[in-house]
Protein backbone atom coordinates (compact mmCIF):
# COMPACT_ATOMS: atom_id res chain seq x y z
CA MET A 1 14.28 19.28 7.06
CA ARG A 2 12.56 17.72 4.13
CA SER A 3 14.60 14.54 3.91
CA LEU A 4 13.07 11.45 5.45
CA GLN A 5 16.57 10.44 6.51
CA VAL A 6 16.55 13.45 8.86
CA ARG A 7 12.89 13.81 9.72
CA LEU A 8 12.23 10.22 10.69
CA PRO A 9 15.22 9.85 13.06
CA VAL A 10 14.50 13.24 14.65
CA LEU A 11 10.83 12.36 15.06
CA ALA A 12 11.69 8.94 16.47
CA VAL A 13 14.31 10.35 18.85
CA ALA A 14 11.95 13.13 19.98
CA THR A 15 9.16 10.62 20.62
CA VAL A 16 11.47 8.30 22.54
CA ALA A 17 12.95 11.26 24.45
CA VAL A 18 9.52 12.39 25.62
CA SER A 19 8.72 8.83 26.63
CA LEU A 20 12.01 8.52 28.51
CA VAL A 21 11.51 11.83 30.32
CA LEU A 22 8.04 10.80 31.43
CA SER A 23 9.38 7.40 32.47
CA ALA A 24 12.27 9.06 34.34
CA LEU A 25 9.88 11.32 36.24
CA LEU A 26 7.80 8.33 37.18
CA VAL A 27 10.92 6.46 38.29
CA PHE A 28 11.98 9.53 40.31
CA GLU A 29 8.67 9.55 42.16
CA VAL A 30 8.98 5.83 42.82
CA LEU A 31 12.54 6.24 44.07
CA LEU A 32 11.48 9.15 46.28
CA LEU A 33 8.63 7.22 47.87
CA SER A 34 10.83 4.15 48.23
CA GLY A 35 13.60 6.26 49.82
CA GLU A 36 11.22 7.84 52.31
CA ARG A 37 9.89 4.41 53.21
CA ARG A 38 13.40 3.08 53.71
CA LEU A 39 14.26 6.14 55.86
CA ASP A 40 11.20 5.52 58.03
CA ASP A 41 12.17 1.88 58.39
CA HIS A 42 15.72 2.89 59.30
CA LEU A 43 14.54 5.44 61.89
CA ASP A 44 12.17 2.87 63.35
CA GLN A 45 14.97 0.32 63.54
CA GLU A 46 17.25 2.87 65.28
CA ALA A 47 14.49 3.74 67.76
CA ARG A 48 14.13 0.04 68.62
CA ARG A 49 17.88 -0.19 69.22
CA VAL A 50 17.63 2.80 71.61
CA ARG A 51 14.76 1.18 73.49
CA ASP A 52 16.56 -2.16 73.71
CA TRP A 53 19.65 -0.41 75.05
CA LEU A 54 17.71 1.48 77.69
CA VAL A 55 15.84 -1.65 78.74
CA ARG A 56 19.20 -3.17 79.61
CA THR A 57 20.92 -0.10 81.09
CA ALA A 58 18.06 2.01 82.52
CA PRO A 59 14.87 -0.06 82.40
CA GLY A 60 12.79 2.40 84.32
CA ALA A 61 13.32 5.07 81.66
CA LEU A 62 10.78 3.35 79.37
CA GLY A 63 8.28 2.70 82.13
CA THR A 64 8.96 -1.00 82.25
CA THR A 65 9.36 -0.68 86.06
CA ASP A 66 7.84 1.56 88.65
CA ASP A 67 11.28 2.91 89.63
CA PRO A 68 12.50 5.39 86.99
CA PRO A 69 16.25 6.12 86.84
CA ASP A 70 17.63 9.38 88.05
CA VAL A 71 18.95 11.94 85.62
CA ALA A 72 22.61 10.94 86.03
CA ASP A 73 21.95 7.27 85.34
CA LEU A 74 19.85 8.14 82.30
CA ALA A 75 22.58 10.43 80.99
CA ASP A 76 25.21 7.71 81.54
CA ALA A 77 23.07 5.22 79.57
CA ALA A 78 22.65 7.73 76.73
CA GLU A 79 26.37 8.51 76.58
CA GLN A 80 27.22 4.81 76.53
CA TYR A 81 24.83 4.24 73.63
CA LEU A 82 26.19 7.16 71.65
CA ALA A 83 29.73 5.98 72.27
CA VAL A 84 28.85 2.69 70.59
CA HIS A 85 26.62 4.21 67.85
CA ASP A 86 28.49 7.39 67.09
CA ARG A 87 28.35 7.45 63.28
CA SER A 88 25.55 7.25 60.68
CA ASP A 89 25.13 8.40 57.09
CA THR A 90 21.35 8.50 57.30
CA HIS A 91 20.24 9.63 60.77
CA MET A 92 21.08 11.42 64.01
CA THR A 93 20.10 10.02 67.42
CA VAL A 94 19.38 12.72 70.01
CA PHE A 95 18.82 12.47 73.78
CA ARG A 96 17.39 15.50 75.59
CA ILE A 97 17.90 15.22 79.40
CA GLY A 98 17.14 18.40 81.16
CA ASP A 99 19.39 21.09 79.74
CA ARG A 100 21.73 18.60 78.13
CA LEU A 101 21.45 17.63 74.46
CA LEU A 102 23.38 14.49 73.58
CA SER A 103 23.57 13.37 69.90
CA THR A 104 25.45 11.32 67.34
CA SER A 105 28.66 13.19 66.53
CA ASP A 106 28.96 12.06 62.90
CA ALA A 107 25.64 12.43 61.03
CA PRO A 108 24.30 13.88 57.74
CA SER A 109 25.69 17.37 57.23
CA SER A 110 22.31 19.10 57.18
CA LEU A 111 21.47 17.67 60.63
CA GLU A 112 24.90 18.67 61.96
CA VAL A 113 24.30 22.25 60.80
CA LEU A 114 20.96 22.32 62.61
CA ARG A 115 22.58 20.92 65.75
CA ASP A 116 25.42 23.44 65.67
CA GLU A 117 22.90 26.26 65.22
CA GLY A 118 20.71 24.91 68.04
CA ALA A 119 17.85 24.44 65.59
CA LEU A 120 17.28 20.71 65.86
CA PRO A 121 13.53 20.06 65.68
CA ALA A 122 11.91 18.50 68.74
CA PRO A 123 9.06 16.01 68.55
CA ARG A 124 5.67 17.68 68.56
CA THR A 125 3.74 14.49 69.19
CA LEU A 126 4.47 10.87 70.05
CA GLU A 127 3.94 9.96 66.36
CA ASP A 128 6.33 10.18 63.44
CA ASP A 129 6.38 13.69 62.10
CA THR A 130 7.92 15.78 59.29
CA VAL A 131 9.23 19.18 60.32
CA ALA A 132 10.31 21.92 57.94
CA THR A 133 13.70 23.50 58.76
CA VAL A 134 16.13 25.89 57.11
CA GLU A 135 18.08 22.81 55.95
CA GLY A 136 15.04 21.16 54.46
CA ASP A 137 12.42 18.78 55.72
CA VAL A 138 13.44 16.52 58.61
CA ARG A 139 11.74 13.30 59.57
CA VAL A 140 11.34 12.93 63.40
CA HIS A 141 10.80 9.57 65.14
CA PRO A 142 10.21 10.13 68.93
CA VAL A 143 11.10 7.82 71.87
CA ALA A 144 9.38 8.69 75.19
CA LEU A 145 11.66 8.67 78.30
CA ARG A 146 11.20 9.46 81.96
CA SER A 147 13.44 10.02 84.98
CA SER A 148 13.05 10.37 88.74
CA ALA A 149 13.70 14.09 88.58
CA ASP A 150 11.12 16.56 87.35
CA VAL A 151 13.03 17.56 84.20
CA GLU A 152 12.30 17.27 80.49
CA THR A 153 13.63 14.01 79.09
CA GLY A 154 13.25 12.30 75.79
CA ALA A 155 14.97 10.75 72.81
CA PHE A 156 14.32 11.03 69.11
CA VAL A 157 15.86 9.90 65.84
CA LEU A 158 16.18 12.42 63.02
CA GLY A 159 16.50 11.71 59.31
CA SER A 160 16.92 14.27 56.53
CA LEU A 161 14.46 13.93 53.69
CA ASP A 162 16.78 16.08 51.57
CA VAL A 163 19.29 13.24 51.63
CA VAL A 164 16.61 10.90 50.29
CA ARG A 165 15.61 13.42 47.67
CA GLY A 166 19.23 14.05 46.75
CA ASP A 167 19.72 10.33 46.19
CA ALA A 168 16.58 10.27 44.03
CA PHE A 169 17.82 13.28 42.05
CA ASP A 170 21.22 11.62 41.58
CA ALA A 171 19.49 8.53 40.24
CA LEU A 172 17.35 10.72 37.98
CA ARG A 173 20.41 12.52 36.60
CA GLN A 174 22.17 9.23 35.94
CA LEU A 175 19.07 7.86 34.27
CA LEU A 176 18.68 10.92 32.07
CA LEU A 177 22.38 10.90 31.20
CA THR A 178 22.23 7.24 30.25
CA ALA A 179 19.03 7.81 28.30
CA GLY A 180 20.56 10.78 26.50
CA ILE A 181 23.60 8.76 25.46
CA GLY A 182 21.30 5.94 24.40
CA LEU A 183 19.17 8.35 22.36
CA VAL A 184 22.21 9.73 20.55
CA VAL A 185 23.51 6.25 19.76
CA ALA A 186 20.04 4.97 18.80
CA GLY A 187 19.40 8.07 16.66
CA GLY A 188 22.65 7.54 14.81
CA LEU A 189 21.97 3.86 14.24
CA LEU A 190 18.41 4.66 13.13
CA ALA A 191 19.70 7.28 10.70
CA LEU A 192 22.14 4.75 9.21
CA ALA A 193 19.43 2.09 9.00
CA LEU A 194 17.00 4.52 7.36
CA ARG A 195 19.65 5.67 4.94
CA ARG A 196 20.19 2.12 3.86
CA ALA A 197 16.47 1.30 3.83
CA LEU A 198 15.59 4.44 1.85
CA ARG A 199 18.40 4.05 -0.66
CA PRO A 200 16.08 2.22 -3.10
CA LEU A 201 13.71 5.21 -2.87
CA GLN A 202 16.52 7.56 -3.82
CA GLU A 203 17.47 5.30 -6.69
CA LEU A 204 13.80 5.09 -7.63
CA ALA A 205 13.54 8.90 -7.67
CA THR A 206 16.70 9.12 -9.79
CA ALA A 207 15.36 6.52 -12.18
CA ALA A 208 12.03 8.37 -12.40
CA LYS A 209 13.82 11.65 -13.18
CA THR A 210 16.06 10.17 -15.86
CA ALA A 211 13.49 7.84 -17.43
CA ASN A 212 12.18 8.95 -20.82
CA ILE A 213 10.84 7.35 -23.95
CA GLU A 214 14.29 7.12 -25.50
CA GLN A 215 15.92 5.64 -22.38
CA LEU A 216 13.89 3.17 -20.33
CA GLY A 217 16.65 0.70 -19.55
CA GLN A 218 17.58 2.01 -16.10
CA ARG A 219 16.45 -0.12 -13.15
CA VAL A 220 16.49 0.24 -9.38
CA GLU A 221 18.84 -2.20 -7.66
CA LEU A 222 16.96 -4.84 -5.65
CA ARG A 223 18.38 -6.08 -2.37
CA ASN A 224 15.89 -8.91 -1.80
CA GLU A 225 15.05 -7.65 1.67
CA GLY A 226 11.35 -8.26 1.25
CA ASP A 227 10.30 -5.02 2.95
CA GLU A 228 7.85 -2.44 1.63
CA VAL A 229 10.58 -0.30 0.05
CA SER A 230 11.98 -3.31 -1.83
CA VAL A 231 8.46 -4.23 -2.95
CA LEU A 232 7.98 -0.67 -4.23
CA ALA A 233 11.31 -0.76 -6.07
CA ASN A 234 10.41 -4.12 -7.60
CA GLU A 235 7.03 -2.84 -8.77
CA PHE A 236 8.71 0.26 -10.20
CA ASN A 237 11.10 -1.94 -12.18
CA ARG A 238 8.18 -3.99 -13.42
CA MET A 239 6.41 -0.78 -14.47
CA LEU A 240 9.51 0.25 -16.43
CA ASP A 241 9.56 -3.20 -18.03
CA ARG A 242 5.95 -2.76 -19.11
CA LEU A 243 6.64 0.74 -20.39
CA GLU A 244 9.68 -0.47 -22.29
CA ARG A 245 7.68 -3.27 -23.89
CA SER A 246 4.81 -0.91 -24.62
CA VAL A 247 7.10 1.64 -26.27
CA ALA A 248 8.81 -1.09 -28.26
CA ASP A 249 5.42 -2.45 -29.36
CA GLN A 250 4.25 1.06 -30.24
CA GLN A 251 7.38 1.75 -32.26
CA ALA A 252 7.01 -1.57 -34.04
CA PHE A 253 3.34 -0.82 -34.63
CA MET A 254 4.10 2.60 -36.09
CA ALA A 255 6.83 1.12 -38.27
CA THR A 256 4.38 -1.48 -39.55
CA VAL A 257 1.70 1.14 -40.16
CA SER A 258 4.21 3.28 -42.06
CA HIS A 259 5.18 0.28 -44.17
CA GLU A 260 1.56 -0.69 -44.80
CA LEU A 261 0.70 2.82 -45.95
CA ARG A 262 3.90 3.30 -47.93
CA THR A 263 3.27 0.24 -50.12
CA PRO A 264 -0.11 1.27 -51.64
CA ILE A 265 1.04 4.89 -51.88
CA THR A 266 4.15 3.82 -53.76
CA ILE A 267 2.13 1.58 -56.08
CA ALA A 268 -0.48 4.26 -56.79
CA ARG A 269 2.15 6.94 -57.30
CA GLY A 270 4.14 4.73 -59.65
CA HIS A 271 1.15 3.99 -61.83
CA LEU A 272 0.11 7.63 -61.89
CA GLU A 273 3.62 8.57 -63.02
CA VAL A 274 3.44 5.95 -65.77
CA LEU A 275 0.01 7.26 -66.74
CA ARG A 276 1.27 10.86 -66.87
CA SER A 277 4.38 9.97 -68.88
CA ALA A 278 2.53 7.89 -71.43
CA ARG A 279 -0.80 9.69 -71.54
CA ASP A 280 -0.47 10.26 -75.31
CA THR A 281 0.29 6.63 -76.15
CA LEU A 282 -1.97 4.71 -73.78
CA ASP A 283 -5.33 3.55 -75.01
CA GLU A 284 -8.54 3.98 -73.08
CA GLU A 285 -8.49 0.41 -71.74
CA ALA A 286 -5.01 0.82 -70.25
CA VAL A 287 -6.06 4.09 -68.65
CA ASP A 288 -9.10 2.40 -67.11
CA GLU A 289 -6.93 -0.41 -65.76
CA THR A 290 -4.51 2.05 -64.20
CA VAL A 291 -7.32 4.09 -62.64
CA ALA A 292 -8.91 0.90 -61.25
CA LEU A 293 -5.61 -0.22 -59.76
CA VAL A 294 -5.00 3.20 -58.16
CA ARG A 295 -8.57 3.19 -56.87
CA ASP A 296 -8.01 -0.26 -55.27
CA GLU A 297 -4.86 0.95 -53.53
CA LEU A 298 -6.63 4.04 -52.25
CA LEU A 299 -9.49 1.88 -50.95
CA ARG A 300 -6.93 -0.35 -49.26
CA MET A 301 -5.43 2.69 -47.53
CA GLN A 302 -8.89 3.84 -46.57
CA ARG A 303 -9.69 0.47 -44.96
CA LEU A 304 -6.36 0.51 -43.17
CA VAL A 305 -6.93 4.01 -41.77
CA GLU A 306 -10.49 3.17 -40.74
CA ASP A 307 -9.36 0.00 -38.94
CA LEU A 308 -6.60 1.94 -37.19
CA LEU A 309 -9.10 4.56 -36.06
CA ILE A 310 -11.31 1.81 -34.65
CA LEU A 311 -8.43 0.23 -32.73
CA THR A 312 -7.23 3.52 -31.30
CA GLY A 313 -10.76 4.40 -30.12
CA ALA A 314 -11.59 0.98 -28.67
CA ASP A 315 -10.84 2.13 -25.11
CA ALA A 316 -13.09 5.19 -25.31
CA PRO A 317 -16.21 5.03 -23.09
CA ASP A 318 -18.48 5.73 -26.06
CA PHE A 319 -16.86 3.18 -28.38
CA VAL A 320 -20.03 1.09 -28.26
CA VAL A 321 -23.54 2.42 -27.65
CA ALA A 322 -25.84 -0.49 -26.87
CA ARG A 323 -29.50 -0.49 -27.74
CA GLN A 324 -32.22 -3.07 -28.26
CA THR A 325 -32.16 -4.35 -31.84
CA SER A 326 -34.20 -6.93 -33.72
CA LEU A 327 -31.93 -9.80 -34.76
CA ARG A 328 -33.80 -10.35 -38.03
CA GLU A 329 -33.70 -6.65 -38.97
CA PHE A 330 -30.00 -6.61 -38.11
CA PHE A 331 -29.32 -9.52 -40.47
CA ASP A 332 -31.46 -7.99 -43.24
CA GLU A 333 -29.31 -4.83 -43.14
CA LEU A 334 -26.13 -6.91 -42.98
CA HIS A 335 -27.28 -8.83 -46.07
CA LEU A 336 -27.71 -5.56 -48.00
CA ARG A 337 -24.25 -4.32 -46.95
CA VAL A 338 -22.60 -7.58 -48.04
CA ALA A 339 -24.40 -7.37 -51.38
CA GLY A 340 -23.02 -3.85 -51.80
CA LEU A 341 -19.48 -5.15 -51.35
CA GLY A 342 -19.95 -7.61 -54.20
CA ILE A 343 -18.68 -10.62 -52.25
CA PRO A 344 -20.00 -13.82 -53.86
CA HIS A 345 -20.95 -17.14 -52.29
CA VAL A 346 -22.29 -15.66 -49.04
CA VAL A 347 -25.26 -17.54 -47.59
CA PHE A 348 -27.36 -16.09 -44.75
CA GLU A 349 -29.05 -18.70 -42.57
CA PRO A 350 -32.45 -18.11 -40.92
CA VAL A 351 -32.11 -16.50 -37.50
CA PRO A 352 -34.42 -16.52 -34.45
CA ASP A 353 -37.02 -13.82 -34.13
CA THR A 354 -35.59 -12.15 -31.03
CA THR A 355 -33.90 -8.98 -29.93
CA PHE A 356 -30.47 -8.32 -28.52
CA CYS A 357 -28.82 -5.40 -26.73
CA ALA A 358 -25.60 -4.28 -28.42
CA ASP A 359 -24.11 -1.68 -30.73
CA GLY A 360 -25.51 -2.83 -34.07
CA ASP A 361 -23.13 -0.74 -36.20
CA ARG A 362 -20.00 -2.02 -34.43
CA LEU A 363 -21.27 -5.58 -34.47
CA ALA A 364 -22.06 -5.36 -38.20
CA GLN A 365 -18.57 -3.99 -38.77
CA ALA A 366 -17.09 -7.01 -36.98
CA LEU A 367 -19.15 -9.47 -39.06
CA LEU A 368 -18.27 -7.65 -42.30
CA ASN A 369 -14.59 -7.94 -41.38
CA LEU A 370 -15.02 -11.70 -40.86
CA ILE A 371 -16.86 -12.10 -44.17
CA THR A 372 -14.28 -10.00 -46.04
CA ASN A 373 -11.50 -11.93 -44.34
CA ALA A 374 -12.93 -15.27 -45.39
CA HIS A 375 -13.36 -13.99 -48.95
CA VAL A 376 -9.79 -12.59 -49.21
CA HIS A 377 -8.05 -15.62 -47.71
CA SER A 378 -9.86 -18.03 -49.99
CA SER A 379 -9.20 -15.97 -53.14
CA GLY A 380 -12.97 -15.44 -53.45
CA LEU A 381 -13.71 -19.13 -53.95
CA ALA A 382 -14.99 -20.14 -50.51
CA ARG A 383 -18.63 -20.58 -49.60
CA ILE A 384 -19.40 -18.37 -46.60
CA GLU A 385 -22.27 -19.06 -44.21
CA VAL A 386 -23.47 -16.39 -41.79
CA GLY A 387 -25.98 -17.09 -39.04
CA ALA A 388 -26.95 -16.69 -35.39
CA ASP A 389 -28.50 -18.70 -32.60
CA VAL A 390 -29.27 -18.39 -28.91
CA ASP A 391 -27.84 -20.73 -26.26
CA ASP A 392 -29.78 -22.12 -23.34
CA ASP A 393 -28.16 -19.45 -21.13
CA GLU A 394 -29.51 -16.79 -23.56
CA SER A 395 -26.08 -15.97 -24.98
CA LEU A 396 -26.22 -14.77 -28.57
CA ARG A 397 -23.81 -16.60 -30.91
CA LEU A 398 -23.06 -15.03 -34.30
CA HIS A 399 -21.03 -17.28 -36.59
CA VAL A 400 -19.23 -16.92 -39.91
CA VAL A 401 -18.17 -20.24 -41.44
CA ASP A 402 -16.24 -20.82 -44.69
CA ASP A 403 -14.98 -23.91 -46.49
CA GLY A 404 -11.67 -22.32 -47.46
CA PRO A 405 -8.14 -23.64 -46.86
CA GLY A 406 -8.07 -22.67 -43.16
CA ILE A 407 -5.78 -20.38 -41.23
CA ASP A 408 -2.05 -20.58 -41.81
CA ARG A 409 -0.31 -22.18 -38.81
CA SER A 410 2.24 -19.36 -38.80
CA VAL A 411 -0.35 -16.87 -37.56
CA GLN A 412 -2.65 -19.02 -35.40
CA ASP A 413 -0.86 -18.10 -32.16
CA ARG A 414 -1.06 -14.35 -32.83
CA LEU A 415 -4.33 -14.28 -34.70
CA PHE A 416 -5.75 -11.19 -33.01
CA GLU A 417 -2.58 -9.09 -33.02
CA PRO A 418 -2.49 -6.10 -35.39
CA PHE A 419 -0.95 -6.89 -38.81
CA ALA A 420 -0.86 -10.63 -38.08
CA ARG A 421 -1.27 -12.29 -41.46
CA SER A 422 0.15 -15.12 -43.49
CA ASP A 423 2.63 -14.61 -46.30
CA SER A 424 -0.04 -15.50 -48.86
CA ALA A 425 -2.44 -12.78 -47.65
CA THR A 426 -1.03 -9.98 -49.77
CA ARG A 427 -4.30 -8.07 -50.01
CA SER A 428 -5.14 -8.18 -46.29
CA THR A 429 -4.39 -5.29 -43.93
CA GLY A 430 -3.87 -7.71 -41.06
CA LEU A 431 -6.23 -5.67 -38.87
CA GLY A 432 -9.53 -7.44 -39.49
CA LEU A 433 -9.51 -9.77 -36.50
CA SER A 434 -7.96 -7.11 -34.27
CA VAL A 435 -11.00 -4.95 -34.96
CA VAL A 436 -13.31 -7.91 -34.33
CA ARG A 437 -11.66 -8.61 -30.98
CA ALA A 438 -11.83 -4.92 -29.98
CA VAL A 439 -15.57 -4.75 -30.77
CA ILE A 440 -16.43 -7.97 -28.94
CA ASP A 441 -14.25 -7.10 -25.92
CA ALA A 442 -16.07 -3.76 -25.68
CA HIS A 443 -19.33 -5.73 -25.50
CA GLY A 444 -17.94 -8.03 -22.80
CA GLY A 445 -18.16 -11.05 -25.11
CA GLU A 446 -15.68 -13.52 -26.54
CA VAL A 447 -14.41 -14.72 -29.91
CA GLN A 448 -14.06 -18.45 -30.60
CA VAL A 449 -12.01 -19.66 -33.55
CA VAL A 450 -11.77 -23.16 -35.02
CA SER A 451 -9.79 -23.72 -38.21
CA GLY A 452 -8.61 -26.68 -40.24
CA PRO A 453 -7.82 -27.71 -43.80
CA ASN A 454 -11.53 -27.91 -44.60
CA GLY A 455 -12.48 -24.45 -43.45
CA THR A 456 -12.64 -21.94 -40.65
CA SER A 457 -15.40 -21.00 -38.22
CA VAL A 458 -15.51 -17.85 -36.11
CA THR A 459 -18.19 -17.42 -33.43
CA LEU A 460 -18.88 -14.14 -31.67
CA VAL A 461 -20.48 -14.80 -28.27
CA LEU A 462 -22.42 -12.03 -26.53
CA HIS A 463 -23.40 -12.99 -22.99
CA PRO A 464 -26.65 -11.85 -21.37
CA ARG A 465 -26.31 -8.97 -18.94
CA THR A 466 -28.07 -9.16 -15.57
CA GLU A 467 -28.97 -6.44 -13.08
CA ALA A 468 -25.91 -7.36 -10.96
CA ASP A 469 -23.58 -6.82 -13.92
CA PRO A 470 -21.35 -3.82 -13.17
CA ALA A 471 -21.34 -2.81 -16.86
CA GLU A 472 -25.00 -1.83 -17.01
CA THR A 473 -24.18 1.22 -19.11
CA VAL A 474 -22.40 0.61 -22.39
CA GLY A 475 -20.75 3.60 -23.96
CA GLY A 476 -22.88 6.28 -22.34
CA ASP A 477 -24.84 7.44 -19.33
CA GLU A 478 -28.08 5.68 -20.20
CA PRO A 479 -28.47 2.30 -18.42
CA ALA A 480 -28.61 -0.71 -20.69
CA PRO A 481 -31.58 -3.05 -20.40
CA ALA A 482 -31.35 -5.65 -17.68
CA ASP A 483 -30.98 -8.57 -20.10
CA LEU A 484 -28.77 -8.73 -23.13
CA LEU A 485 -31.24 -11.15 -24.74
CA PRO A 486 -34.90 -11.66 -23.91
CA ARG A 487 -36.10 -15.22 -24.24
CA THR A 488 -36.68 -16.46 -27.78
CA ASP A 489 -40.32 -16.33 -28.74
CA PRO A 490 -41.31 -20.01 -28.91
CA ALA A 491 -44.03 -19.16 -31.43
CA HIS A 492 -41.38 -18.33 -34.02
CA ASP A 493 -38.33 -20.04 -35.43
CA GLN A 494 -36.30 -22.17 -33.06
CA PRO A 495 -32.62 -21.29 -32.62
CA VAL A 496 -30.36 -22.76 -35.23
CA PRO A 497 -27.95 -25.30 -33.66
CA PRO A 498 -24.43 -23.84 -33.45
CA ARG A 499 -22.12 -24.55 -36.27
CA ALA A 500 -18.48 -25.12 -35.61
CA SER A 501 -17.34 -22.71 -32.91
CA ALA A 502 -15.12 -19.88 -34.43
CA ARG A 503 -12.48 -18.15 -37.32
CA HIS A 504 -9.31 -16.02 -38.81
CA GLY A 505 -7.68 -12.67 -39.57
């Protein structure tokens, strides 16, 4: 039985059944004790009636007078009493006067059998007693009598404990029968309720089996019941929604990547075909121009592939490897790399003489992307300022500011998305700011962008890391230093005031 629809009802019914059986046994014991107490009360009440009768008809028999009745008078009193009280479903009243045994004619069957067989138990003491007989245990309540003759006299009231126990067993059987019927009905209702409650789980399992990349549109029906199963079904549907969006974004991304790679490949291939077809007629200058153009397209593809590799590896644990680096040495190397790219009008501002903890290569890559971006989107005419300063809270702020035309409004809302670029940016891969965001996010920092018609400013903010920071280790197993930025040495240059806060892709 693997199905919850079977196992849970069976388990519930079994648990309730055990509880009911234990409860029934407890009730049986209570009924048995209560029945025995009621029998004792009934026998005591009958004994009082016998005494009251004898007080009126033969008062000396109980010792209330000094003149006990003779045997005949006592027998007459007993016969008169039995004539009036001749029937009982619970007891038998017995008078023993000499050799005569007078008793209730209609009594419980077990007591009648004992009487007919001459096996009625006699009192062994003047106290209530329980005597074992062939017909079961009998409760004996004695009444002391006397007569004027020297013969054995006495009265006693008998009650069968088997009758009490039989009544208790009858009640137990009825209770168990009722409980059994209740268990069957409750088990059926529970099975129906579980079937309905678990239906979303079955639909969820079916949806999970049939879901694949090509078909993510199936959803589990929600019944708005607000229980845990409905919550699970709702979360499963939300997961499918996220997967569907993710697959759609991935497909769109791959389509865009294919298009971005196809364009330079097509251009380069076309020019190579022209060069091959007209190799005998083209002069050396035309050949050089064609080779330069093909080289530019290949470099464009190289940048695109490198940016894609960076984005795909941004979630890897070793994407950034932080280490203490001198800010001035970092900017000196960045200056040399910018000079190697041949980008004009780039001005490096003085920076504080301090150190910072970050991945210098990744951070330089982000700044080079910003510088290249500013150069491309201004057609190489913008003046680009690059600098850094330290806030009062020891956050490092690296800024790239240009006086170009600003970011196109059409891309401002999706500036950091891959391939987000304006229509005029024909030479941009559209991945520059995506790479910048990936690098800064990996460092736990933030990117601030401010753009207008008079220029654009991008600021990369790296916050100081404290000992309580959970990301003590960046990109490896070695713990990073406790502070992202030690305090600026006051003996050297003061931090440059921040420029405008931020920039574009």
